[in-house]
């Protein structure tokens, strides 16, 4: 989760939100994504 939030200043909030949405839609979310 910290790595996802750290990507916001680098990639921009919109890009990070799209990436998170794609992971959620794919159904491949695991505990590693959350931790």
N, C-alpha and C. Protein backbone atom coordinates (compact mmCIF):
# COMPACT_ATOMS: atom_id res chain seq x y z
N UNK A 1 0.83 -1.19 0.00
CA UNK A 1 0.00 0.00 0.00
C UNK A 1 0.87 1.24 0.00
N UNK A 2 1.94 1.21 0.78
CA UNK A 2 2.83 2.37 0.84
C UNK A 2 3.46 2.65 -0.52
N UNK A 3 3.78 1.59 -1.26
CA UNK A 3 4.37 1.79 -2.59
C UNK A 3 3.37 2.42 -3.54
N UNK A 4 2.11 2.06 -3.40
CA UNK A 4 1.07 2.65 -4.25
C UNK A 4 0.95 4.13 -3.95
N UNK A 5 0.90 4.48 -2.67
CA UNK A 5 0.78 5.89 -2.29
C UNK A 5 2.03 6.67 -2.67
N UNK A 6 3.19 6.04 -2.61
CA UNK A 6 4.43 6.72 -2.99
C UNK A 6 4.48 7.01 -4.48
N UNK A 7 3.71 6.29 -5.27
CA UNK A 7 3.71 6.51 -6.72
C UNK A 7 2.91 7.75 -7.11
N UNK A 8 2.08 8.26 -6.21
CA UNK A 8 1.23 9.41 -6.54
C UNK A 8 2.04 10.63 -6.97
N UNK A 9 3.06 11.05 -6.21
CA UNK A 9 3.82 12.24 -6.66
C UNK A 9 4.58 12.01 -7.97
N UNK A 10 4.96 10.77 -8.23
CA UNK A 10 5.75 10.46 -9.43
C UNK A 10 4.86 10.34 -10.66
N UNK A 11 3.81 9.52 -10.56
CA UNK A 11 2.97 9.22 -11.72
C UNK A 11 1.72 10.08 -11.81
N UNK A 12 1.34 10.67 -10.71
CA UNK A 12 0.11 11.46 -10.68
C UNK A 12 -1.05 10.64 -10.13
N UNK A 13 -1.96 11.33 -9.48
CA UNK A 13 -3.09 10.65 -8.83
C UNK A 13 -3.96 9.90 -9.82
N UNK A 14 -4.22 10.49 -10.97
CA UNK A 14 -5.10 9.84 -11.95
C UNK A 14 -4.52 8.51 -12.42
N UNK A 15 -3.23 8.47 -12.69
CA UNK A 15 -2.59 7.24 -13.15
C UNK A 15 -2.64 6.16 -12.07
N UNK A 16 -2.42 6.56 -10.83
CA UNK A 16 -2.46 5.59 -9.73
C UNK A 16 -3.88 5.06 -9.54
N UNK A 17 -4.87 5.93 -9.63
CA UNK A 17 -6.26 5.49 -9.49
C UNK A 17 -6.65 4.52 -10.60
N UNK A 18 -6.20 4.77 -11.82
CA UNK A 18 -6.48 3.85 -12.93
C UNK A 18 -5.82 2.50 -12.67
N UNK A 19 -4.59 2.51 -12.20
CA UNK A 19 -3.89 1.25 -11.92
C UNK A 19 -4.59 0.46 -10.83
N UNK A 20 -5.03 1.14 -9.79
CA UNK A 20 -5.74 0.47 -8.70
C UNK A 20 -7.06 -0.10 -9.20
N UNK A 21 -7.76 0.66 -10.03
CA UNK A 21 -9.03 0.18 -10.58
C UNK A 21 -8.82 -1.06 -11.44
N UNK A 22 -7.74 -1.09 -12.23
CA UNK A 22 -7.47 -2.26 -13.07
C UNK A 22 -7.18 -3.49 -12.23
N UNK A 23 -6.44 -3.33 -11.14
CA UNK A 23 -6.15 -4.46 -10.26
C UNK A 23 -7.44 -4.98 -9.63
N UNK A 24 -8.29 -4.06 -9.17
CA UNK A 24 -9.55 -4.48 -8.56
C UNK A 24 -10.44 -5.20 -9.56
N UNK A 25 -10.49 -4.71 -10.80
CA UNK A 25 -11.32 -5.34 -11.83
C UNK A 25 -10.79 -6.71 -12.23
N UNK A 26 -9.47 -6.89 -12.18
CA UNK A 26 -8.89 -8.15 -12.60
C UNK A 26 -9.15 -9.26 -11.60
N UNK A 27 -9.45 -8.89 -10.36
CA UNK A 27 -9.71 -9.89 -9.34
C UNK A 27 -8.46 -10.52 -8.78
N UNK A 28 -7.30 -9.99 -9.12
CA UNK A 28 -6.05 -10.57 -8.64
C UNK A 28 -5.51 -9.87 -7.41
N UNK A 29 -6.39 -9.26 -6.65
CA UNK A 29 -5.99 -8.56 -5.43
C UNK A 29 -5.61 -9.59 -4.36
N UNK A 30 -4.48 -9.37 -3.72
CA UNK A 30 -4.03 -10.28 -2.67
C UNK A 30 -3.64 -9.49 -1.44
N UNK A 31 -3.29 -10.19 -0.39
CA UNK A 31 -2.86 -9.54 0.85
C UNK A 31 -1.62 -8.69 0.61
N UNK A 32 -0.77 -9.10 -0.33
CA UNK A 32 0.44 -8.33 -0.63
C UNK A 32 0.10 -6.95 -1.19
N UNK A 33 -0.99 -6.84 -1.93
CA UNK A 33 -1.40 -5.54 -2.46
C UNK A 33 -1.84 -4.61 -1.34
N UNK A 34 -2.48 -5.16 -0.34
CA UNK A 34 -3.03 -4.35 0.74
C UNK A 34 -1.95 -3.97 1.74
N UNK A 35 -1.07 -4.91 2.06
CA UNK A 35 0.00 -4.64 3.02
C UNK A 35 1.07 -3.87 2.34
